[in-house]
Amino acid sequence: MAIGKKTWIIPDCELPKEGEGVLKGHESVIIVNDNEFDVKIKVTLYFTDEPCYDKIEWTVKAKSVRCFRMNKPSDMSGYVVPFETQYAMKAESDGNIVLQYGRLDNRQINLAYYTTLGYCE
């Protein structure tokens, strides 16, 4: 059995603007697929004052890792994630995966970067 879970929630997402400097602000989700098969992942974004968006699909090849950037519409099935808007994300996979979220926020002089595992079930 592959390591991980099929359903993950990231409750604290907020895409920062790129800011200044060499390192550009962004959000990313890194997924490890320990399965012997490619996994398909359905992504839903939840917002405070607007309907959720559930038309994002990802694929991660067997026995591999893949990084998806929220600031790249090509990684978000064409969807443009709004800047500086609080939202949450759910990832539902057809196989067990491990998911990690990261944010680089350099909108201020003191660069802020953090990563965290999502909540899984």
N, C-alpha and C. Protein backbone atom coordinates (compact mmCIF):
# COMPACT_ATOMS: atom_id res chain seq x y z
N MET A 1 0.85 -1.19 0.00
CA MET A 1 0.00 0.00 0.00
C MET A 1 0.89 1.24 0.00
N ALA A 2 0.54 2.21 -0.82
CA ALA A 2 1.30 3.45 -0.93
C ALA A 2 1.12 4.32 0.31
N ILE A 3 2.15 5.08 0.62
CA ILE A 3 2.12 6.00 1.76
C ILE A 3 1.21 7.18 1.43
N GLY A 4 0.48 7.66 2.43
CA GLY A 4 -0.32 8.87 2.27
C GLY A 4 -1.80 8.64 2.48
N LYS A 5 -2.57 9.64 2.07
CA LYS A 5 -4.02 9.63 2.19
C LYS A 5 -4.61 10.15 0.88
N LYS A 6 -5.91 9.97 0.71
CA LYS A 6 -6.58 10.38 -0.52
C LYS A 6 -7.19 11.78 -0.47
N THR A 7 -7.51 12.28 0.72
CA THR A 7 -8.16 13.59 0.85
C THR A 7 -7.34 14.49 1.75
N TRP A 8 -7.03 15.68 1.24
CA TRP A 8 -6.21 16.65 1.97
C TRP A 8 -6.89 18.02 1.95
N ILE A 9 -6.76 18.76 3.05
CA ILE A 9 -7.28 20.14 3.15
C ILE A 9 -6.14 21.05 3.56
N ILE A 10 -6.03 22.18 2.88
CA ILE A 10 -5.11 23.25 3.27
C ILE A 10 -5.99 24.44 3.63
N PRO A 11 -6.13 24.77 4.92
CA PRO A 11 -7.09 25.80 5.31
C PRO A 11 -6.61 27.24 5.12
N ASP A 12 -5.30 27.48 5.06
CA ASP A 12 -4.80 28.86 5.04
C ASP A 12 -3.99 29.15 3.79
N CYS A 13 -4.68 29.43 2.70
CA CYS A 13 -4.02 29.81 1.45
C CYS A 13 -4.25 31.30 1.21
N GLU A 14 -3.27 31.94 0.62
CA GLU A 14 -3.39 33.34 0.20
C GLU A 14 -2.22 33.64 -0.72
N LEU A 15 -2.51 33.78 -2.00
CA LEU A 15 -1.47 34.01 -2.99
C LEU A 15 -0.94 35.43 -2.89
N PRO A 16 0.34 35.60 -2.50
CA PRO A 16 0.91 36.95 -2.42
C PRO A 16 1.33 37.43 -3.80
N LYS A 17 1.41 38.74 -3.97
CA LYS A 17 1.97 39.29 -5.20
C LYS A 17 3.46 38.96 -5.21
N GLU A 18 4.08 39.03 -6.39
CA GLU A 18 5.48 38.62 -6.53
C GLU A 18 6.43 39.44 -5.68
N GLY A 19 6.12 40.71 -5.43
CA GLY A 19 7.00 41.54 -4.62
C GLY A 19 8.29 41.88 -5.37
N GLU A 20 9.26 42.36 -4.62
CA GLU A 20 10.53 42.75 -5.22
C GLU A 20 11.63 41.79 -4.79
N GLY A 21 12.74 41.85 -5.49
CA GLY A 21 13.86 41.00 -5.12
C GLY A 21 13.99 39.82 -6.06
N VAL A 22 15.03 39.04 -5.84
CA VAL A 22 15.33 37.90 -6.69
C VAL A 22 14.29 36.80 -6.51
N LEU A 23 13.95 36.49 -5.28
CA LEU A 23 12.95 35.47 -5.00
C LEU A 23 11.56 36.10 -5.11
N LYS A 24 10.69 35.51 -5.92
CA LYS A 24 9.36 36.05 -6.15
C LYS A 24 8.33 35.34 -5.29
N GLY A 25 7.39 36.13 -4.77
CA GLY A 25 6.33 35.56 -3.95
C GLY A 25 5.49 34.56 -4.73
N HIS A 26 5.07 33.49 -4.06
CA HIS A 26 4.25 32.46 -4.69
C HIS A 26 3.70 31.51 -3.63
N GLU A 27 2.79 30.67 -4.06
CA GLU A 27 2.33 29.52 -3.28
C GLU A 27 2.58 28.28 -4.12
N SER A 28 2.77 27.17 -3.46
CA SER A 28 2.93 25.92 -4.19
C SER A 28 2.41 24.76 -3.36
N VAL A 29 2.02 23.71 -4.07
CA VAL A 29 1.63 22.45 -3.46
C VAL A 29 2.54 21.39 -4.07
N ILE A 30 3.21 20.64 -3.21
CA ILE A 30 4.11 19.58 -3.65
C ILE A 30 3.45 18.25 -3.29
N ILE A 31 3.37 17.37 -4.26
CA ILE A 31 2.69 16.08 -4.06
C ILE A 31 3.64 14.95 -4.38
N VAL A 32 3.71 13.99 -3.46
CA VAL A 32 4.47 12.76 -3.67
C VAL A 32 3.48 11.64 -3.94
N ASN A 33 3.71 10.92 -5.02
CA ASN A 33 2.89 9.77 -5.37
C ASN A 33 3.75 8.52 -5.21
N ASP A 34 3.48 7.74 -4.18
CA ASP A 34 4.22 6.52 -3.89
C ASP A 34 3.58 5.28 -4.53
N ASN A 35 2.52 5.49 -5.30
CA ASN A 35 1.81 4.39 -5.94
C ASN A 35 2.56 3.87 -7.16
N GLU A 36 2.17 2.69 -7.59
CA GLU A 36 2.69 2.09 -8.82
C GLU A 36 1.92 2.59 -10.04
N PHE A 37 0.98 3.51 -9.86
CA PHE A 37 0.18 4.04 -10.96
C PHE A 37 0.09 5.56 -10.84
N ASP A 38 -0.17 6.23 -11.97
CA ASP A 38 -0.39 7.67 -11.97
C ASP A 38 -1.66 7.98 -11.18
N VAL A 39 -1.64 9.06 -10.42
CA VAL A 39 -2.84 9.47 -9.68
C VAL A 39 -3.45 10.71 -10.32
N LYS A 40 -4.78 10.76 -10.26
CA LYS A 40 -5.54 11.93 -10.69
C LYS A 40 -6.06 12.62 -9.43
N ILE A 41 -5.95 13.94 -9.42
CA ILE A 41 -6.32 14.71 -8.24
C ILE A 41 -7.30 15.79 -8.64
N LYS A 42 -8.44 15.85 -7.96
CA LYS A 42 -9.42 16.91 -8.16
C LYS A 42 -9.18 17.96 -7.08
N VAL A 43 -9.06 19.22 -7.48
CA VAL A 43 -8.78 20.32 -6.55
C VAL A 43 -9.99 21.25 -6.48
N THR A 44 -10.39 21.58 -5.26
CA THR A 44 -11.47 22.54 -5.03
C THR A 44 -10.93 23.69 -4.20
N LEU A 45 -11.22 24.92 -4.62
CA LEU A 45 -10.85 26.11 -3.87
C LEU A 45 -12.09 26.69 -3.21
N TYR A 46 -11.98 27.02 -1.91
CA TYR A 46 -13.09 27.59 -1.13
C TYR A 46 -12.76 29.03 -0.77
N PHE A 47 -13.71 29.93 -0.99
CA PHE A 47 -13.53 31.35 -0.73
C PHE A 47 -14.51 31.83 0.34
N THR A 48 -14.21 32.97 0.92
CA THR A 48 -15.07 33.53 1.97
C THR A 48 -16.41 34.00 1.44
N ASP A 49 -16.39 34.78 0.35
CA ASP A 49 -17.61 35.43 -0.12
C ASP A 49 -17.96 35.13 -1.57
N GLU A 50 -17.48 34.03 -2.09
CA GLU A 50 -17.84 33.64 -3.45
C GLU A 50 -17.90 32.12 -3.53
N PRO A 51 -18.56 31.59 -4.57
CA PRO A 51 -18.70 30.14 -4.68
C PRO A 51 -17.35 29.44 -4.82
N CYS A 52 -17.31 28.19 -4.39
CA CYS A 52 -16.07 27.42 -4.55
C CYS A 52 -15.82 27.16 -6.04
N TYR A 53 -14.57 26.85 -6.34
CA TYR A 53 -14.18 26.55 -7.72
C TYR A 53 -13.62 25.13 -7.74
N ASP A 54 -14.21 24.25 -8.57
CA ASP A 54 -13.82 22.84 -8.53
C ASP A 54 -13.47 22.26 -9.90
N LYS A 55 -12.92 23.07 -10.76
CA LYS A 55 -12.59 22.61 -12.12
C LYS A 55 -11.08 22.41 -12.34
N ILE A 56 -10.34 22.22 -11.26
CA ILE A 56 -8.89 22.04 -11.36
C ILE A 56 -8.57 20.55 -11.22
N GLU A 57 -7.76 20.04 -12.14
CA GLU A 57 -7.35 18.64 -12.09
C GLU A 57 -5.85 18.54 -12.28
N TRP A 58 -5.24 17.69 -11.48
CA TRP A 58 -3.80 17.45 -11.54
C TRP A 58 -3.55 15.97 -11.76
N THR A 59 -2.40 15.65 -12.34
CA THR A 59 -1.92 14.28 -12.47
C THR A 59 -0.49 14.23 -11.97
N VAL A 60 -0.20 13.22 -11.16
CA VAL A 60 1.17 12.99 -10.69
C VAL A 60 1.53 11.57 -11.08
N LYS A 61 2.61 11.43 -11.81
CA LYS A 61 3.03 10.12 -12.29
C LYS A 61 3.42 9.19 -11.14
N ALA A 62 3.37 7.89 -11.42
CA ALA A 62 3.71 6.87 -10.42
C ALA A 62 5.12 7.07 -9.89
N LYS A 63 5.28 6.83 -8.60
CA LYS A 63 6.60 6.87 -7.95
C LYS A 63 7.36 8.17 -8.27
N SER A 64 6.66 9.32 -8.15
CA SER A 64 7.29 10.59 -8.47
C SER A 64 6.75 11.71 -7.59
N VAL A 65 7.35 12.88 -7.75
CA VAL A 65 6.93 14.08 -7.04
C VAL A 65 6.64 15.16 -8.07
N ARG A 66 5.69 16.03 -7.76
CA ARG A 66 5.37 17.14 -8.66
C ARG A 66 4.98 18.37 -7.85
N CYS A 67 5.43 19.53 -8.32
CA CYS A 67 5.13 20.80 -7.68
C CYS A 67 4.13 21.57 -8.56
N PHE A 68 3.06 22.05 -7.95
CA PHE A 68 2.07 22.87 -8.63
C PHE A 68 2.12 24.27 -8.02
N ARG A 69 2.23 25.30 -8.88
CA ARG A 69 2.31 26.68 -8.41
C ARG A 69 0.96 27.37 -8.61
N MET A 70 0.45 27.98 -7.55
CA MET A 70 -0.84 28.65 -7.61
C MET A 70 -0.81 29.90 -8.49
N ASN A 71 0.37 30.48 -8.70
CA ASN A 71 0.49 31.68 -9.53
C ASN A 71 0.67 31.35 -11.01
N LYS A 72 0.60 30.09 -11.37
CA LYS A 72 0.73 29.67 -12.77
C LYS A 72 -0.60 29.08 -13.24
N PRO A 73 -1.38 29.83 -14.03
CA PRO A 73 -2.65 29.27 -14.50
C PRO A 73 -2.50 27.91 -15.18
N SER A 74 -1.36 27.66 -15.82
CA SER A 74 -1.15 26.36 -16.46
C SER A 74 -1.14 25.22 -15.43
N ASP A 75 -0.74 25.50 -14.20
CA ASP A 75 -0.78 24.50 -13.13
C ASP A 75 -2.16 24.40 -12.48
N MET A 76 -3.02 25.38 -12.76
CA MET A 76 -4.34 25.45 -12.12
C MET A 76 -5.47 25.22 -13.13
N SER A 77 -5.19 24.42 -14.16
CA SER A 77 -6.17 24.11 -15.22
C SER A 77 -6.76 25.37 -15.84
N GLY A 78 -5.93 26.42 -15.97
CA GLY A 78 -6.36 27.67 -16.58
C GLY A 78 -6.96 28.68 -15.62
N TYR A 79 -7.23 28.28 -14.40
CA TYR A 79 -7.84 29.19 -13.42
C TYR A 79 -6.79 30.19 -12.92
N VAL A 80 -7.19 31.45 -12.78
CA VAL A 80 -6.30 32.48 -12.26
C VAL A 80 -6.67 32.71 -10.79
N VAL A 81 -5.81 32.27 -9.89
CA VAL A 81 -6.05 32.44 -8.46
C VAL A 81 -5.89 33.93 -8.13
N PRO A 82 -6.86 34.53 -7.43
CA PRO A 82 -6.75 35.96 -7.11
C PRO A 82 -5.65 36.21 -6.08
N PHE A 83 -4.94 37.32 -6.26
CA PHE A 83 -3.91 37.72 -5.30
C PHE A 83 -4.55 38.22 -4.01
N GLU A 84 -3.83 38.00 -2.90
CA GLU A 84 -4.17 38.58 -1.60
C GLU A 84 -5.62 38.33 -1.20
N THR A 85 -6.08 37.13 -1.48
CA THR A 85 -7.44 36.71 -1.13
C THR A 85 -7.35 35.42 -0.34
N GLN A 86 -7.92 35.41 0.85
CA GLN A 86 -7.87 34.21 1.69
C GLN A 86 -8.76 33.14 1.08
N TYR A 87 -8.23 31.91 0.98
CA TYR A 87 -9.02 30.79 0.50
C TYR A 87 -8.47 29.50 1.12
N ALA A 88 -9.20 28.42 0.91
CA ALA A 88 -8.76 27.10 1.36
C ALA A 88 -8.78 26.18 0.15
N MET A 89 -8.05 25.08 0.25
CA MET A 89 -7.94 24.15 -0.87
C MET A 89 -8.18 22.72 -0.38
N LYS A 90 -8.93 21.96 -1.19
CA LYS A 90 -9.10 20.52 -0.94
C LYS A 90 -8.56 19.78 -2.15
N ALA A 91 -7.78 18.72 -1.91
CA ALA A 91 -7.25 17.86 -2.96
C ALA A 91 -7.77 16.44 -2.71
N GLU A 92 -8.47 15.89 -3.68
CA GLU A 92 -9.02 14.54 -3.58
C GLU A 92 -8.39 13.68 -4.67
N SER A 93 -7.68 12.64 -4.25
CA SER A 93 -6.92 11.81 -5.17
C SER A 93 -7.53 10.41 -5.29
N ASP A 94 -7.28 9.76 -6.43
CA ASP A 94 -7.75 8.38 -6.59
C ASP A 94 -6.74 7.36 -6.06
N GLY A 95 -5.68 7.84 -5.44
CA GLY A 95 -4.70 6.99 -4.77
C GLY A 95 -4.07 7.75 -3.61
N ASN A 96 -3.46 7.05 -2.69
CA ASN A 96 -2.82 7.72 -1.56
C ASN A 96 -1.68 8.62 -2.04
N ILE A 97 -1.62 9.83 -1.48
CA ILE A 97 -0.56 10.79 -1.78
C ILE A 97 -0.14 11.47 -0.49
N VAL A 98 1.01 12.13 -0.54
CA VAL A 98 1.45 13.02 0.54
C VAL A 98 1.50 14.41 -0.07
N LEU A 99 0.91 15.39 0.63
CA LEU A 99 0.79 16.75 0.12
C LEU A 99 1.42 17.73 1.09
N GLN A 100 2.21 18.65 0.55
CA GLN A 100 2.83 19.71 1.35
C GLN A 100 2.54 21.05 0.68
N TYR A 101 2.24 22.06 1.49
CA TYR A 101 1.94 23.40 1.00
C TYR A 101 3.06 24.34 1.40
N GLY A 102 3.39 25.29 0.53
CA GLY A 102 4.40 26.29 0.85
C GLY A 102 3.99 27.66 0.33
N ARG A 103 4.43 28.70 1.05
CA ARG A 103 4.18 30.07 0.62
C ARG A 103 5.44 30.90 0.82
N LEU A 104 5.84 31.62 -0.23
CA LEU A 104 6.92 32.59 -0.14
C LEU A 104 6.29 33.96 -0.27
N ASP A 105 6.38 34.76 0.78
CA ASP A 105 5.74 36.08 0.82
C ASP A 105 6.82 37.13 1.05
N ASN A 106 7.12 37.89 0.02
CA ASN A 106 8.14 38.93 0.17
C ASN A 106 7.54 40.33 -0.07
N ARG A 107 6.27 40.51 0.32
CA ARG A 107 5.64 41.82 0.18
C ARG A 107 6.19 42.83 1.18
N GLN A 108 6.97 42.37 2.11
CA GLN A 108 7.62 43.25 3.08
C GLN A 108 9.13 43.02 3.01
N ILE A 109 9.88 43.86 3.70
CA ILE A 109 11.34 43.75 3.68
C ILE A 109 11.80 42.41 4.24
N ASN A 110 11.21 41.97 5.33
CA ASN A 110 11.58 40.69 5.94
C ASN A 110 10.85 39.56 5.21
N LEU A 111 11.58 38.80 4.45
CA LEU A 111 11.04 37.70 3.67
C LEU A 111 10.39 36.66 4.58
N ALA A 112 9.23 36.15 4.19
CA ALA A 112 8.56 35.11 4.97
C ALA A 112 8.33 33.90 4.08
N TYR A 113 8.77 32.73 4.55
CA TYR A 113 8.55 31.50 3.82
C TYR A 113 8.18 30.41 4.82
N TYR A 114 7.14 29.67 4.50
CA TYR A 114 6.84 28.53 5.36
C TYR A 114 6.22 27.41 4.55
N THR A 115 6.36 26.21 5.10
CA THR A 115 5.72 25.04 4.51
C THR A 115 4.99 24.30 5.62
N THR A 116 3.98 23.56 5.22
CA THR A 116 3.23 22.77 6.18
C THR A 116 2.54 21.62 5.46
N LEU A 117 2.36 20.54 6.15
CA LEU A 117 1.52 19.46 5.62
C LEU A 117 0.08 19.88 5.74
N GLY A 118 -0.74 19.50 4.78
CA GLY A 118 -2.17 19.75 4.90
C GLY A 118 -2.77 18.78 5.90
N TYR A 119 -4.04 18.96 6.20
CA TYR A 119 -4.78 18.01 7.03
C TYR A 119 -5.25 16.89 6.13
N CYS A 120 -5.05 15.65 6.55
CA CYS A 120 -5.48 14.53 5.71
C CYS A 120 -6.47 13.65 6.44
N GLU A 121 -7.24 12.93 5.64
CA GLU A 121 -8.25 12.04 6.21
C GLU A 121 -8.24 10.72 5.48
